Protein backbone atom coordinates (compact mmCIF):
# COMPACT_ATOMS: atom_id res chain seq x y z
CA MET A 1 -46.83 -4.38 -116.01
CA LEU A 2 -44.27 -2.03 -114.65
CA THR A 3 -46.60 -1.05 -112.13
CA ASN A 4 -47.45 -4.56 -111.19
CA LYS A 5 -43.80 -5.56 -110.75
CA LYS A 6 -43.19 -2.53 -108.62
CA GLU A 7 -45.93 -3.46 -106.51
CA GLU A 8 -44.63 -7.09 -106.17
CA LYS A 9 -41.34 -5.72 -105.27
CA LEU A 10 -42.91 -3.61 -102.76
CA ASN A 11 -44.85 -6.54 -101.39
CA LEU A 12 -41.52 -8.67 -101.01
CA ILE A 13 -40.49 -6.09 -98.24
CA PRO A 14 -41.72 -7.05 -94.81
CA SER A 15 -44.22 -4.77 -93.49
CA ARG A 16 -43.59 -3.02 -90.15
CA HIS A 17 -46.71 -2.71 -88.10
CA TYR A 18 -46.41 0.02 -85.56
CA ASP A 19 -48.13 -1.05 -82.33
CA SER A 20 -48.32 1.96 -80.02
CA THR A 21 -49.86 -0.09 -77.06
CA ASN A 22 -46.77 -2.58 -76.94
CA ASN A 23 -44.33 0.22 -77.16
CA ASN A 24 -45.82 2.07 -74.34
CA ASN A 25 -45.71 -1.01 -72.13
CA SER A 26 -42.03 -1.35 -73.05
CA ILE A 27 -41.32 2.09 -72.08
CA HIS A 28 -43.13 1.66 -68.99
CA HIS A 29 -41.34 -1.53 -68.09
CA ASP A 30 -38.01 0.14 -68.79
CA LEU A 31 -38.96 3.07 -66.46
CA LYS A 32 -40.02 0.75 -63.70
CA LEU A 33 -36.64 -1.06 -64.14
CA HIS A 34 -34.65 2.19 -64.10
CA ASN A 35 -36.71 3.42 -61.06
CA LEU A 36 -36.32 0.12 -59.19
CA THR A 37 -32.48 0.11 -59.90
CA SER A 38 -32.32 3.84 -58.81
CA SER A 39 -34.25 3.02 -55.69
CA LYS A 40 -31.67 0.15 -54.88
CA TRP A 41 -28.78 2.51 -55.48
CA SER A 42 -30.43 5.07 -53.31
CA ILE A 43 -30.93 2.53 -50.49
CA ALA A 44 -27.33 1.34 -50.76
CA ASN A 45 -26.02 4.91 -50.79
CA THR A 46 -28.20 5.84 -47.73
CA LYS A 47 -27.00 2.76 -45.84
CA ASN A 48 -23.29 3.70 -46.75
CA SER A 49 -23.91 7.18 -45.51
CA TRP A 50 -25.20 5.98 -42.11
CA TRP A 51 -22.41 3.64 -41.73
CA ASN A 52 -20.04 6.48 -42.52
CA ILE A 53 -21.85 8.64 -39.94
CA TRP A 54 -21.48 5.91 -37.43
CA ALA A 55 -17.82 5.25 -38.12
CA PHE A 56 -17.07 8.87 -37.77
CA VAL A 57 -18.94 9.19 -34.54
CA ILE A 58 -17.18 5.95 -33.12
CA SER A 59 -13.83 7.44 -34.12
CA ILE A 60 -14.53 10.76 -32.32
CA LEU A 61 -15.57 8.93 -29.07
CA VAL A 62 -12.45 6.60 -29.42
CA LEU A 63 -10.28 9.71 -29.72
CA ILE A 64 -11.86 11.43 -26.86
CA ILE A 65 -11.46 8.29 -24.62
CA ILE A 66 -7.69 8.15 -25.59
CA ILE A 67 -7.22 11.86 -24.68
CA LEU A 68 -9.12 11.34 -21.26
CA LEU A 69 -6.95 8.43 -20.56
CA ALA A 70 -3.86 10.44 -21.35
CA ILE A 71 -5.02 13.33 -19.05
CA ILE A 72 -5.59 10.88 -16.23
CA TYR A 73 -2.22 9.24 -16.82
CA ILE A 74 -0.33 12.52 -16.61
CA ASN A 75 -2.24 13.56 -13.50
CA TYR A 76 -1.25 10.29 -11.78
CA HIS A 77 2.23 9.92 -13.22
CA GLY A 78 3.21 13.39 -14.29
CA ASP A 79 5.48 13.82 -11.20
CA SER A 80 7.03 10.42 -12.05
CA ILE A 81 7.60 11.49 -15.56
CA LEU A 82 9.29 14.66 -14.55
CA SER A 83 11.18 12.77 -12.01
CA LEU A 84 12.54 10.07 -14.49
CA GLN A 85 13.46 13.13 -16.80
CA ASN A 86 15.38 14.76 -14.06
CA GLU A 87 17.05 11.48 -13.23
CA SER A 88 17.87 11.04 -16.70
CA LYS A 89 19.59 14.55 -16.78
CA LYS A 90 21.52 13.63 -13.66
CA VAL A 91 22.68 10.29 -15.16
CA ASN A 92 24.18 11.93 -18.09
CA ASN A 93 26.00 14.64 -16.11
CA PHE A 94 29.28 13.05 -16.50
CA GLU A 95 30.98 16.60 -16.33
CA PHE A 96 30.32 16.59 -12.51
CA CYS A 97 31.79 13.18 -11.86
CA ALA A 98 34.88 14.25 -14.07
CA SER A 99 35.35 17.53 -12.54
CA GLU A 100 38.16 18.35 -10.04
CA ASN A 101 35.57 19.39 -7.41
CA TYR A 102 33.87 15.98 -7.39
CA LEU A 103 35.83 14.43 -4.43
CA LYS A 104 35.52 17.92 -2.48
CA GLU A 105 31.77 18.16 -3.02
CA THR A 106 30.81 14.42 -2.44
CA LEU A 107 30.18 12.50 0.91
CA ASP A 108 32.46 9.44 1.35
CA VAL A 109 30.64 6.06 2.09
CA ALA A 110 32.14 4.53 5.35
CA TYR A 111 29.64 1.71 5.63
CA GLU A 112 26.11 0.74 4.56
CA ALA A 113 23.83 -2.13 4.75
CA LYS A 114 20.24 -3.27 3.84
CA ILE A 115 17.83 -3.31 6.66
CA PRO A 116 16.20 -6.66 5.98
CA GLY A 117 19.65 -8.30 5.98
CA LEU A 118 20.35 -6.86 9.49
CA LEU A 119 17.30 -8.53 11.05
CA LEU A 120 16.85 -12.08 12.25
CA ASN A 121 13.27 -11.76 12.89
CA HIS A 122 11.18 -9.75 10.54
CA LYS A 123 7.84 -10.21 12.54
CA GLY A 124 5.88 -10.40 9.26
CA ALA A 125 7.43 -7.28 7.72
CA ASN A 126 8.30 -7.50 3.98
CA LYS A 127 9.02 -3.85 3.11
CA TYR A 128 11.07 -1.22 4.94
CA GLU A 129 10.12 2.38 3.95
CA ALA A 130 12.61 4.03 6.19
CA SER A 131 11.62 7.61 6.88
CA ALA A 132 13.97 8.67 9.78
CA ILE A 133 16.81 7.76 11.85
CA GLN A 134 18.57 8.83 15.17
CA TYR A 135 21.80 7.87 16.98
CA ASP A 136 21.36 7.10 20.59
CA ILE A 137 24.87 7.95 21.71
CA ASN A 138 24.31 6.81 25.46
CA ASN A 139 23.45 3.17 24.38
CA GLY A 140 25.30 2.97 20.95
CA VAL A 141 22.30 2.19 18.96
CA PHE A 142 20.44 3.40 15.99
CA TYR A 143 16.51 4.03 16.01
CA VAL A 144 14.76 3.90 12.57
CA ALA A 145 11.25 4.96 11.96
CA PHE A 146 9.17 3.52 9.00
CA ASP A 147 6.14 4.84 7.39
CA SER A 148 5.13 1.51 6.16
CA LEU A 149 5.27 -0.12 9.84
CA TYR A 150 4.04 0.65 13.16
CA ALA A 151 7.18 -1.11 14.45
CA ILE A 152 10.33 0.96 15.01
CA GLY A 153 13.73 -0.55 14.44
CA ARG A 154 16.55 -0.79 16.97
CA PHE A 155 19.94 -1.43 15.39
CA ASP A 156 23.35 -2.19 16.98
CA TYR A 157 26.03 0.34 16.42
CA PHE A 158 28.29 -2.10 14.30
CA LEU A 159 25.49 -2.77 11.57
CA HIS A 160 26.07 -6.58 11.22
CA ARG A 161 23.43 -9.29 11.08
CA SER A 162 22.52 -9.62 14.99
CA PRO A 163 19.91 -10.72 17.47
CA LYS A 164 20.56 -7.32 18.89
CA ASN A 165 18.83 -5.73 15.67
CA ILE A 166 15.06 -5.81 16.36
CA LEU A 167 11.74 -4.62 15.39
CA ILE A 168 9.73 -3.01 18.23
CA ALA A 169 5.96 -3.39 17.94
CA ASP A 170 3.58 -0.76 19.42
CA GLU A 171 1.46 -1.46 22.51
CA LYS A 172 -1.28 -3.20 20.32
CA ASN A 173 1.31 -5.52 19.22
CA ARG A 174 1.24 -3.93 15.71
CA THR A 175 4.26 -4.41 13.39
CA THR A 176 3.13 -4.09 9.92
CA GLY A 177 0.79 -1.39 8.58
CA GLU A 178 0.75 2.18 7.22
CA SER A 179 1.80 4.10 10.17
CA GLY A 180 2.56 7.36 8.44
CA PHE A 181 5.75 7.95 10.71
CA GLU A 182 8.06 10.44 9.07
CA GLY A 183 10.28 11.50 12.07
CA ILE A 184 11.98 10.09 15.20
CA PHE A 185 14.19 11.76 17.54
CA ILE A 186 15.67 11.41 21.08
CA ASP A 187 15.82 13.92 23.89
CA PRO A 188 19.48 13.76 24.74
CA ASP A 189 18.87 14.65 28.48
CA SER A 190 16.13 12.13 29.31
CA SER A 191 16.64 9.57 26.31
CA SER A 192 12.86 9.85 25.62
CA LEU A 193 11.89 8.94 22.31
CA TYR A 194 9.51 10.89 19.98
CA LEU A 195 7.72 9.77 16.84
CA LEU A 196 6.22 12.12 14.27
CA THR A 197 3.27 11.57 11.96
CA GLU A 198 3.54 13.87 8.97
CA SER A 199 -0.21 14.89 8.88
CA THR A 200 -3.58 13.56 9.48
CA ALA A 201 -7.16 14.76 8.33
CA SER A 202 -9.28 16.46 11.06
CA LYS A 203 -13.04 16.29 11.63
CA HIS A 204 -12.87 19.80 12.87
CA GLU A 205 -14.24 22.38 10.42
CA ASN A 206 -11.63 24.92 11.16
CA GLN A 207 -8.71 22.44 10.96
CA LYS A 208 -7.43 20.80 7.85
CA PHE A 209 -4.32 18.46 7.98
CA ARG A 210 -2.20 18.48 11.31
CA SER A 211 1.00 16.67 12.24
CA ILE A 212 1.04 14.47 15.35
CA VAL A 213 3.91 14.19 17.96
CA HIS A 214 3.97 10.86 19.84
CA LYS A 215 6.10 10.58 22.99
CA ILE A 216 6.90 6.89 23.59
CA ASN A 217 8.54 4.58 26.12
CA ILE A 218 10.13 1.18 25.30
CA GLU A 219 8.99 -1.61 27.42
CA ASP A 220 10.43 -5.25 28.06
CA LEU A 221 13.50 -4.57 26.00
CA ASP A 222 15.54 -7.72 25.81
CA ALA A 223 17.57 -7.72 22.65
CA ASN A 224 19.22 -10.86 23.32
CA ASN A 225 15.97 -13.06 22.72
CA GLY A 226 15.37 -11.14 19.37
CA GLY A 227 13.15 -8.58 21.14
CA SER A 228 10.29 -10.91 21.01
CA ASN A 229 8.62 -9.15 24.13
CA ALA A 230 9.79 -5.63 23.51
CA TYR A 231 7.05 -3.06 22.59
CA TYR A 232 6.47 0.64 22.98
CA SER A 233 3.86 2.40 24.72
CA LYS A 234 2.64 6.09 24.09
CA GLU A 235 3.10 8.48 26.96
CA HIS A 236 0.94 10.94 24.75
CA ALA A 237 0.21 11.85 21.23
CA CYS A 238 -0.63 15.60 20.62
CA LYS A 239 -1.37 17.59 17.49
CA VAL A 240 0.69 20.45 16.26
CA ARG A 241 -1.31 23.73 15.98
CA HIS A 242 -0.46 24.35 12.32
CA ASP A 243 -2.71 23.40 9.38
CA PHE A 244 -1.39 22.14 6.22
CA GLU A 245 -3.23 22.28 2.95
CA ASP A 246 -1.94 18.81 1.66
CA GLU A 247 -2.03 15.52 3.58
CA ASN A 248 1.42 14.45 1.87
CA LYS A 249 3.23 17.73 2.57
CA GLY A 250 3.19 18.21 6.52
CA LEU A 251 6.16 17.99 8.86
CA GLU A 252 8.88 15.67 7.61
CA SER A 253 11.31 15.73 10.46
CA LEU A 254 11.45 16.84 14.06
CA SER A 255 14.14 17.69 16.37
CA VAL A 256 14.73 19.16 20.02
CA VAL A 257 17.01 22.01 20.55
CA LYS A 258 18.30 23.66 23.98
CA ASN A 259 19.07 27.29 23.91
CA SER A 260 21.89 29.07 25.79
CA THR A 261 19.97 29.16 28.97
CA GLY A 262 19.05 25.41 28.94
CA SER A 263 15.42 25.72 27.95
CA LYS A 264 14.30 23.46 25.22
CA TYR A 265 12.05 23.72 22.33
CA LEU A 266 11.15 21.68 19.22
CA LEU A 267 11.91 22.41 15.58
CA GLY A 268 9.74 20.89 12.72
CA LEU A 269 10.94 20.68 9.07
CA CYS A 270 8.30 21.23 6.49
CA GLU A 271 8.63 19.00 3.44
CA GLY A 272 7.50 21.48 0.75
CA ASN A 273 8.82 24.91 0.20
CA ASN A 274 6.65 27.57 1.72
CA CYS A 275 5.23 24.66 3.93
CA LEU A 276 2.91 23.88 0.99
CA GLY A 277 2.31 21.28 -1.52
CA GLY A 278 1.87 21.65 -5.24
CA ASN A 279 3.68 24.21 -7.55
CA LYS A 280 4.18 26.48 -4.54
CA GLY A 281 5.95 23.58 -2.65
CA GLN A 282 8.40 23.31 -5.41
CA GLU A 283 9.55 26.90 -5.34
CA ARG A 284 13.19 26.39 -4.59
CA GLY A 285 14.82 28.33 -1.87
CA ASN A 286 11.81 28.89 0.22
CA GLY A 287 12.29 26.21 3.01
CA MET A 288 10.47 26.51 6.24
CA VAL A 289 11.00 25.49 9.86
CA ILE A 290 8.26 25.76 12.52
CA VAL A 291 9.32 26.43 16.13
CA ILE A 292 7.24 24.41 18.64
CA ASN A 293 6.77 24.71 22.40
CA GLU A 294 8.46 21.62 24.21
CA ILE A 295 5.51 21.08 26.62
CA PRO A 296 2.13 20.28 24.90
CA ILE A 297 -1.11 22.01 26.24
CA GLN A 298 -3.56 19.79 27.89
CA LEU A 299 -7.03 20.28 26.58
CA SER A 300 -10.16 20.32 28.90
CA HIS A 301 -11.55 17.48 27.02
CA GLU A 302 -10.87 15.05 24.11
CA ASP A 303 -11.28 16.82 20.66
CA LEU A 304 -13.28 15.29 17.70
CA ASP A 305 -10.15 13.51 16.53
CA GLY A 306 -9.57 11.84 19.92
CA TYR A 307 -6.66 13.89 20.98
CA LYS A 308 -6.20 15.47 24.55
CA CYS A 309 -3.43 17.77 24.08
CA GLU A 310 -1.81 20.13 21.52
CA TYR A 311 1.74 21.44 20.77
CA ASP A 312 1.69 25.30 20.33
CA VAL A 313 3.46 26.79 17.29
CA LEU A 314 5.72 29.96 18.46
CA LYS A 315 6.94 31.06 15.16
CA LYS A 316 8.27 30.14 11.65
CA ILE A 317 11.77 30.29 10.53
CA LYS A 318 12.84 30.67 6.83
CA LEU A 319 15.82 28.67 5.78
CA PRO A 320 18.48 30.42 3.93
CA LYS A 321 18.39 30.90 0.07
CA SER A 322 21.54 28.71 -0.11
CA VAL A 323 19.46 25.69 0.94
CA ASN A 324 17.99 25.75 -2.68
CA PHE A 325 16.14 22.36 -2.69
CA GLU A 326 12.95 21.07 -4.26
CA ASP A 327 11.98 19.34 -1.17
CA TYR A 328 13.22 18.79 2.57
CA SER A 329 13.22 15.23 3.84
CA ALA A 330 15.07 15.42 7.16
CA PHE A 331 17.24 17.65 9.29
CA ASN A 332 19.41 17.03 12.48
CA PHE A 333 21.51 19.12 15.03
CA TYR A 334 24.81 18.53 16.75
CA PRO A 335 26.59 20.63 19.32
CA ILE A 336 29.77 22.45 18.71
CA PRO A 337 32.19 22.05 21.64
CA GLY A 338 32.57 25.22 23.55
CA ASP A 339 29.91 26.93 21.81
CA LYS A 340 26.53 27.33 23.55
CA TYR A 341 24.79 29.57 21.07
CA ASN A 342 25.42 27.68 17.74
CA VAL A 343 25.01 24.06 16.74
CA ARG A 344 25.72 22.15 13.40
CA VAL A 345 22.75 21.26 11.25
CA ALA A 346 22.40 19.02 8.40
CA ILE A 347 19.46 19.15 5.94
CA VAL A 348 18.88 16.51 3.37
CA SER A 349 16.82 16.55 0.18
CA GLN A 350 15.33 13.35 -1.28
CA ALA A 351 14.56 14.95 -4.66
CA ASP A 352 17.81 16.51 -5.22
CA ALA A 353 19.89 13.71 -3.45
CA LYS A 354 22.10 16.32 -1.70
CA VAL A 355 22.74 17.51 1.94
CA TRP A 356 23.30 20.97 3.14
CA LEU A 357 25.63 21.58 6.25
CA GLY A 358 25.61 24.72 8.16
CA THR A 359 24.99 26.10 11.66
CA TYR A 360 21.94 27.29 13.64
CA ASN A 361 21.83 30.03 16.37
CA VAL A 362 19.63 28.43 19.14
CA ASP A 363 18.87 31.90 20.76
CA ASP A 364 18.27 33.93 17.60
CA PHE A 365 16.38 31.10 15.62
CA GLU A 366 18.57 31.80 12.70
CA PHE A 367 20.34 29.41 10.33
CA SER A 368 23.76 30.60 8.81
CA LYS A 369 23.31 32.18 5.51
CA GLU A 370 26.20 30.24 3.95
CA GLY A 371 26.65 26.68 4.28
CA LYS A 372 27.94 23.82 2.04
CA ILE A 373 26.02 21.56 -0.10
CA TYR A 374 27.24 17.99 -0.62
CA GLU A 375 26.18 15.43 -3.11
CA PHE A 376 25.75 11.66 -2.16
CA PRO A 377 28.19 9.48 -4.05
CA ARG A 378 27.35 8.76 -7.86
CA GLY A 379 27.13 5.29 -9.46
CA GLN A 380 29.76 4.04 -12.11
CA SER A 381 27.84 5.79 -14.91
CA CYS A 382 27.77 9.01 -12.74
CA ASN A 383 23.99 8.15 -12.26
CA VAL A 384 22.24 9.16 -8.93
CA GLN A 385 21.92 6.05 -6.78
CA TYR A 386 20.93 7.64 -3.29
CA CYS A 387 17.45 8.36 -4.65
CA ASN A 388 15.48 8.04 -1.49
CA VAL A 389 17.50 9.32 1.42
CA GLU A 390 14.88 10.33 3.99
CA GLY A 391 16.62 10.30 7.25
CA ILE A 392 19.81 12.15 8.41
CA ALA A 393 21.54 12.26 11.68
CA TRP A 394 24.92 13.42 13.18
CA MET A 395 27.14 10.71 14.69
CA ASP A 396 30.05 13.09 15.24
CA ASP A 397 31.28 16.38 13.87
CA TYR A 398 32.60 14.72 10.56
CA THR A 399 30.36 11.63 10.30
CA LEU A 400 26.69 11.30 9.21
CA LEU A 401 24.17 8.61 9.56
CA ALA A 402 21.34 8.22 6.91
CA THR A 403 18.62 5.95 5.98
CA SER A 404 16.82 5.36 2.53
CA ASP A 405 13.31 4.56 1.60
CA ARG A 406 12.04 1.95 -0.64
CA THR A 407 12.27 2.55 -4.53
CA LYS A 408 9.06 3.61 -6.01
CA SER A 409 7.52 0.81 -8.11
CA GLY A 410 5.76 0.69 -11.49
CA GLY A 411 8.67 2.55 -13.30
CA ARG A 412 8.35 5.68 -11.24
CA GLN A 413 12.09 5.65 -10.39
CA SER A 414 15.02 4.28 -12.24
CA PHE A 415 16.40 0.86 -11.39
CA TYR A 416 19.56 2.38 -10.22
CA CYS A 417 17.72 3.66 -7.16
CA SER A 418 17.09 -0.04 -5.88
CA ASP A 419 20.72 -0.71 -5.10
CA LYS A 420 20.65 1.72 -2.08
CA ASP A 421 17.16 1.47 -1.00
CA GLN A 422 15.79 0.20 2.32
CA SER A 423 19.19 0.90 3.88
CA ILE A 424 21.36 2.49 6.61
CA HIS A 425 24.43 4.38 5.49
CA ILE A 426 27.27 5.94 7.21
CA PHE A 427 28.97 8.82 5.44
CA THR A 428 32.10 10.84 6.35
CA ILE A 429 32.53 14.41 5.19
CA PRO A 430 35.34 15.17 2.77
CA GLY A 431 38.52 16.53 4.31
CA LYS A 432 40.26 19.67 3.29
CA ASN A 433 43.10 17.67 1.80
CA LYS A 434 40.82 16.55 -1.12
């Protein structure tokens, strides 16, 4: 009985039948599910990896583009950035304006006027990038050259708005256009006018960039009718036999000088130090002047550039170390009464906004070692405001005539510069009593 009860008790416990086939299927299903899940994760991870790689590559490409754009910007605007930095230093130079030497070392403004305001007839011109100025003492007028105009300006001595102030077009009746004129001077004996083109590219294999001298004659001049019929014709246009490396760093100014025997020759002022551009052109204290024969050589036939004559270069002269400028924008000479061997000279720098006054020996081809450097007047905050003086000329032994180019756009120059740009200025040299 006991045995039967135990058996009945045992029968009450549900039996567990082990089905190996079902268990294997279950395991196989679990493995497939696991493998599928792992596969999906693997694919997702692979996709993420590719996206990460592409994101990395794109980031590198964007970085390279930014660096290249920065390099291009610096190449095009590096000089402007340095210029603004230099101007900023000058703006904050209150010590100079507050010093006891300010009045002794700064030119006085006698009179000045904006060129557009002097003209009644602009003949289509809307910018006046004045590059040179000359005083015609025989006729009491100023002549101005512009590198942004083919026309030259003729202005009455009194510098007020008048029909006597005119723009004189060229023989092709051109007023506007990039002429590249950087110099103008008058032969005091003949009153002949000369224009200077800084430099032009040559088609000759053995020539690079050369300056051009144009001798011109003004025709049908009637200032009373607004100069509507006036124009200038070219007597000749001749190359100067000197090769420049840089198109924008050629001869910046030209003048005629007479020696003690009455013979004349031309002097050309190089814009850059060492007559070069680039870093060499900014090595201060290495200004150069080229001595040029007054009479051009006639060529047997027209050259590849269309010119029939050339000016021969006689020698080069170094400016004294005291003319310690970054660049040289113009020079001019004035006789000293009773002295046939020496003349006064004024040399102006646009970059430094200063002018050097000294003397020049017409026979020995030598500039005085010592001279005096004068500043142009500063603004109310001691800021440089005469930023673009490109032309200089003597009116008498204590008065200087100057002209200013247009302010560079695009933030390349301070807004301070615009007050004095595109203008004609008259300065007096400080007296000894200051």
